[in-house]
PDB file of N, CA and C in Angstrom:
ATOM      1  N   MET A   1     -17.613 -13.535 -19.087  1.00  0.00           N
ATOM      2  CA  MET A   1     -18.769 -13.228 -19.914  1.00  0.00           C
ATOM      3  C   MET A   1     -18.565 -11.897 -20.636  1.00  0.00           C
ATOM      4  N   GLY A   2     -17.423 -11.795 -21.259  1.00  0.00           N
ATOM      5  CA  GLY A   2     -17.135 -10.588 -22.017  1.00  0.00           C
ATOM      6  C   GLY A   2     -16.636 -10.932 -23.401  1.00  0.00           C
ATOM      7  N   ARG A   3     -15.790 -10.079 -23.926  1.00  0.00           N
ATOM      8  CA  ARG A   3     -15.292 -10.295 -25.283  1.00  0.00           C
ATOM      9  C   ARG A   3     -14.369 -11.499 -25.389  1.00  0.00           C
ATOM     10  N   GLY A   4     -13.749 -11.886 -24.287  1.00  0.00           N
ATOM     11  CA  GLY A   4     -12.843 -13.032 -24.318  1.00  0.00           C
ATOM     12  C   GLY A   4     -13.545 -14.375 -24.203  1.00  0.00           C
ATOM     13  N   ASP A   5     -14.832 -14.372 -23.855  1.00  0.00           N
ATOM     14  CA  ASP A   5     -15.589 -15.606 -23.671  1.00  0.00           C
ATOM     15  C   ASP A   5     -16.202 -16.020 -25.009  1.00  0.00           C
ATOM     16  N   ILE A   6     -15.645 -17.030 -25.625  1.00  0.00           N
ATOM     17  CA  ILE A   6     -16.086 -17.438 -26.966  1.00  0.00           C
ATOM     18  C   ILE A   6     -17.464 -18.114 -26.937  1.00  0.00           C
ATOM     19  N   LYS A   7     -17.924 -18.527 -25.750  1.00  0.00           N
ATOM     20  CA  LYS A   7     -19.241 -19.174 -25.670  1.00  0.00           C
ATOM     21  C   LYS A   7     -20.386 -18.174 -25.756  1.00  0.00           C
ATOM     22  N   THR A   8     -20.101 -16.873 -25.600  1.00  0.00           N
ATOM     23  CA  THR A   8     -21.157 -15.868 -25.666  1.00  0.00           C
ATOM     24  C   THR A   8     -21.177 -15.224 -27.043  1.00  0.00           C
ATOM     25  N   LYS A   9     -22.287 -14.567 -27.358  1.00  0.00           N
ATOM     26  CA  LYS A   9     -22.438 -13.905 -28.659  1.00  0.00           C
ATOM     27  C   LYS A   9     -21.417 -12.787 -28.817  1.00  0.00           C
ATOM     28  N   LYS A  10     -21.200 -12.030 -27.749  1.00  0.00           N
ATOM     29  CA  LYS A  10     -20.227 -10.932 -27.799  1.00  0.00           C
ATOM     30  C   LYS A  10     -18.818 -11.465 -28.045  1.00  0.00           C
ATOM     31  N   GLY A  11     -18.480 -12.580 -27.401  1.00  0.00           N
ATOM     32  CA  GLY A  11     -17.167 -13.181 -27.593  1.00  0.00           C
ATOM     33  C   GLY A  11     -16.984 -13.721 -28.999  1.00  0.00           C
ATOM     34  N   LYS A  12     -18.042 -14.299 -29.554  1.00  0.00           N
ATOM     35  CA  LYS A  12     -17.975 -14.824 -30.914  1.00  0.00           C
ATOM     36  C   LYS A  12     -17.852 -13.693 -31.926  1.00  0.00           C
ATOM     37  N   THR A  13     -18.555 -12.581 -31.693  1.00  0.00           N
ATOM     38  CA  THR A  13     -18.437 -11.426 -32.568  1.00  0.00           C
ATOM     39  C   THR A  13     -17.022 -10.879 -32.543  1.00  0.00           C
ATOM     40  N   PHE A  14     -16.439 -10.800 -31.361  1.00  0.00           N
ATOM     41  CA  PHE A  14     -15.072 -10.292 -31.200  1.00  0.00           C
ATOM     42  C   PHE A  14     -14.059 -11.219 -31.879  1.00  0.00           C
ATOM     43  N   ALA A  15     -14.264 -12.533 -31.732  1.00  0.00           N
ATOM     44  CA  ALA A  15     -13.336 -13.512 -32.313  1.00  0.00           C
ATOM     45  C   ALA A  15     -13.601 -13.736 -33.798  1.00  0.00           C
ATOM     46  N   GLY A  16     -14.801 -13.373 -34.261  1.00  0.00           N
ATOM     47  CA  GLY A  16     -15.155 -13.562 -35.668  1.00  0.00           C
ATOM     48  C   GLY A  16     -15.505 -14.997 -36.003  1.00  0.00           C
ATOM     49  N   SER A  17     -16.058 -15.715 -35.026  1.00  0.00           N
ATOM     50  CA  SER A  17     -16.424 -17.109 -35.269  1.00  0.00           C
ATOM     51  C   SER A  17     -17.940 -17.268 -35.208  1.00  0.00           C
ATOM     52  N   PHE A  18     -18.412 -18.394 -35.724  1.00  0.00           N
ATOM     53  CA  PHE A  18     -19.839 -18.684 -35.741  1.00  0.00           C
ATOM     54  C   PHE A  18     -20.102 -20.005 -35.049  1.00  0.00           C
ATOM     55  N   GLY A  19     -21.325 -20.184 -34.585  1.00  0.00           N
ATOM     56  CA  GLY A  19     -21.713 -21.420 -33.907  1.00  0.00           C
ATOM     57  C   GLY A  19     -23.182 -21.386 -33.561  1.00  0.00           C
ATOM     58  N   LYS A  20     -23.578 -22.117 -32.514  1.00  0.00           N
ATOM     59  CA  LYS A  20     -24.983 -22.175 -32.118  1.00  0.00           C
ATOM     60  C   LYS A  20     -25.454 -20.839 -31.546  1.00  0.00           C
ATOM     61  N   THR A  21     -24.584 -20.183 -30.787  1.00  0.00           N
ATOM     62  CA  THR A  21     -24.946 -18.903 -30.184  1.00  0.00           C
ATOM     63  C   THR A  21     -25.005 -17.798 -31.226  1.00  0.00           C
ATOM     64  N   ARG A  22     -24.087 -17.850 -32.206  1.00  0.00           N
ATOM     65  CA  ARG A  22     -24.025 -16.826 -33.255  1.00  0.00           C
ATOM     66  C   ARG A  22     -23.996 -17.531 -34.606  1.00  0.00           C
ATOM     67  N   PRO A  23     -25.169 -17.928 -35.119  1.00  0.00           N
ATOM     68  CA  PRO A  23     -25.186 -18.654 -36.382  1.00  0.00           C
ATOM     69  C   PRO A  23     -24.819 -17.754 -37.565  1.00  0.00           C
ATOM     70  N   ALA A  24     -24.151 -18.333 -38.545  1.00  0.00           N
ATOM     71  CA  ALA A  24     -23.811 -17.607 -39.765  1.00  0.00           C
ATOM     72  C   ALA A  24     -25.077 -17.419 -40.593  1.00  0.00           C
ATOM     73  N   LYS A  25     -25.073 -16.469 -41.490  1.00  0.00           N
ATOM     74  CA  LYS A  25     -26.238 -16.238 -42.341  1.00  0.00           C
ATOM     75  C   LYS A  25     -26.494 -17.477 -43.179  1.00  0.00           C
ATOM     76  N   SER A  26     -27.708 -17.996 -43.080  1.00  0.00           N
ATOM     77  CA  SER A  26     -28.043 -19.188 -43.846  1.00  0.00           C
ATOM     78  C   SER A  26     -28.526 -18.778 -45.229  1.00  0.00           C
ATOM     79  N   LYS A  27     -28.074 -19.487 -46.241  1.00  0.00           N
ATOM     80  CA  LYS A  27     -28.484 -19.211 -47.620  1.00  0.00           C
ATOM     81  C   LYS A  27     -29.825 -19.879 -47.858  1.00  0.00           C
ATOM     82  N   THR A  28     -30.765 -19.154 -48.445  1.00  0.00           N
ATOM     83  CA  THR A  28     -32.059 -19.738 -48.755  1.00  0.00           C
ATOM     84  C   THR A  28     -31.917 -20.565 -50.025  1.00  0.00           C
ATOM     85  N   THR A  29     -32.649 -21.644 -50.079  1.00  0.00           N
ATOM     86  CA  THR A  29     -32.597 -22.502 -51.257  1.00  0.00           C
ATOM     87  C   THR A  29     -33.341 -21.829 -52.395  1.00  0.00           C
ATOM     88  N   THR A  30     -33.060 -22.234 -53.602  1.00  0.00           N
ATOM     89  CA  THR A  30     -33.682 -21.611 -54.769  1.00  0.00           C
ATOM     90  C   THR A  30     -35.186 -21.834 -54.770  1.00  0.00           C
ATOM     91  N   LYS A  31     -35.639 -22.954 -54.234  1.00  0.00           N
ATOM     92  CA  LYS A  31     -37.067 -23.245 -54.177  1.00  0.00           C
ATOM     93  C   LYS A  31     -37.777 -22.267 -53.242  1.00  0.00           C
ATOM     94  N   ASN A  32     -37.188 -22.018 -52.064  1.00  0.00           N
ATOM     95  CA  ASN A  32     -37.789 -21.095 -51.106  1.00  0.00           C
ATOM     96  C   ASN A  32     -37.755 -19.671 -51.633  1.00  0.00           C
ATOM     97  N   ALA A  33     -36.665 -19.269 -52.271  1.00  0.00           N
ATOM     98  CA  ALA A  33     -36.535 -17.915 -52.793  1.00  0.00           C
ATOM     99  C   ALA A  33     -37.553 -17.668 -53.897  1.00  0.00           C
ATOM    100  N   ALA A  34     -37.760 -18.664 -54.741  1.00  0.00           N
ATOM    101  CA  ALA A  34     -38.741 -18.532 -55.827  1.00  0.00           C
ATOM    102  C   ALA A  34     -40.155 -18.435 -55.270  1.00  0.00           C
ATOM    103  N   ALA A  35     -40.429 -19.188 -54.222  1.00  0.00           N
ATOM    104  CA  ALA A  35     -41.753 -19.157 -53.602  1.00  0.00           C
ATOM    105  C   ALA A  35     -42.010 -17.810 -52.943  1.00  0.00           C
ATOM    106  N   LYS A  36     -40.986 -17.238 -52.323  1.00  0.00           N
ATOM    107  CA  LYS A  36     -41.143 -15.930 -51.686  1.00  0.00           C
ATOM    108  C   LYS A  36     -41.393 -14.845 -52.720  1.00  0.00           C
ATOM    109  N   LYS A  37     -40.688 -14.895 -53.855  1.00  0.00           N
ATOM    110  CA  LYS A  37     -40.886 -13.917 -54.925  1.00  0.00           C
ATOM    111  C   LYS A  37     -42.282 -14.005 -55.503  1.00  0.00           C
ATOM    112  N   ALA A  38     -42.762 -15.223 -55.700  1.00  0.00           N
ATOM    113  CA  ALA A  38     -44.096 -15.428 -56.254  1.00  0.00           C
ATOM    114  C   ALA A  38     -45.163 -14.928 -55.299  1.00  0.00           C
ATOM    115  N   ALA A  39     -44.952 -15.134 -54.004  1.00  0.00           N
ATOM    116  CA  ALA A  39     -45.905 -14.677 -52.992  1.00  0.00           C
ATOM    117  C   ALA A  39     -45.895 -13.160 -52.893  1.00  0.00           C
ATOM    118  N   ALA A  40     -44.745 -12.547 -53.096  1.00  0.00           N
ATOM    119  CA  ALA A  40     -44.626 -11.101 -53.010  1.00  0.00           C
ATOM    120  C   ALA A  40     -45.337 -10.411 -54.162  1.00  0.00           C
ATOM    121  N   LYS A  41     -45.353 -11.035 -55.329  1.00  0.00           N
ATOM    122  CA  LYS A  41     -45.988 -10.447 -56.516  1.00  0.00           C
ATOM    123  C   LYS A  41     -47.505 -10.465 -56.415  1.00  0.00           C
ATOM    124  N   LYS A  42     -48.048 -11.451 -55.693  1.00  0.00           N
ATOM    125  CA  LYS A  42     -49.527 -11.579 -55.594  1.00  0.00           C
ATOM    126  C   LYS A  42     -50.123 -10.566 -54.706  1.00  0.00           C
TER     127      LYS A  42
END
């Protein structure tokens, strides 16, 4: 359960991989981004 354990978040960070424990940054869709901008202006 350290840096060598790829199943943990620390191990995934060390190995530079992504998965269920350490998900990659998800891109927001253009529809959601536009809705957030419109809500922020109000």
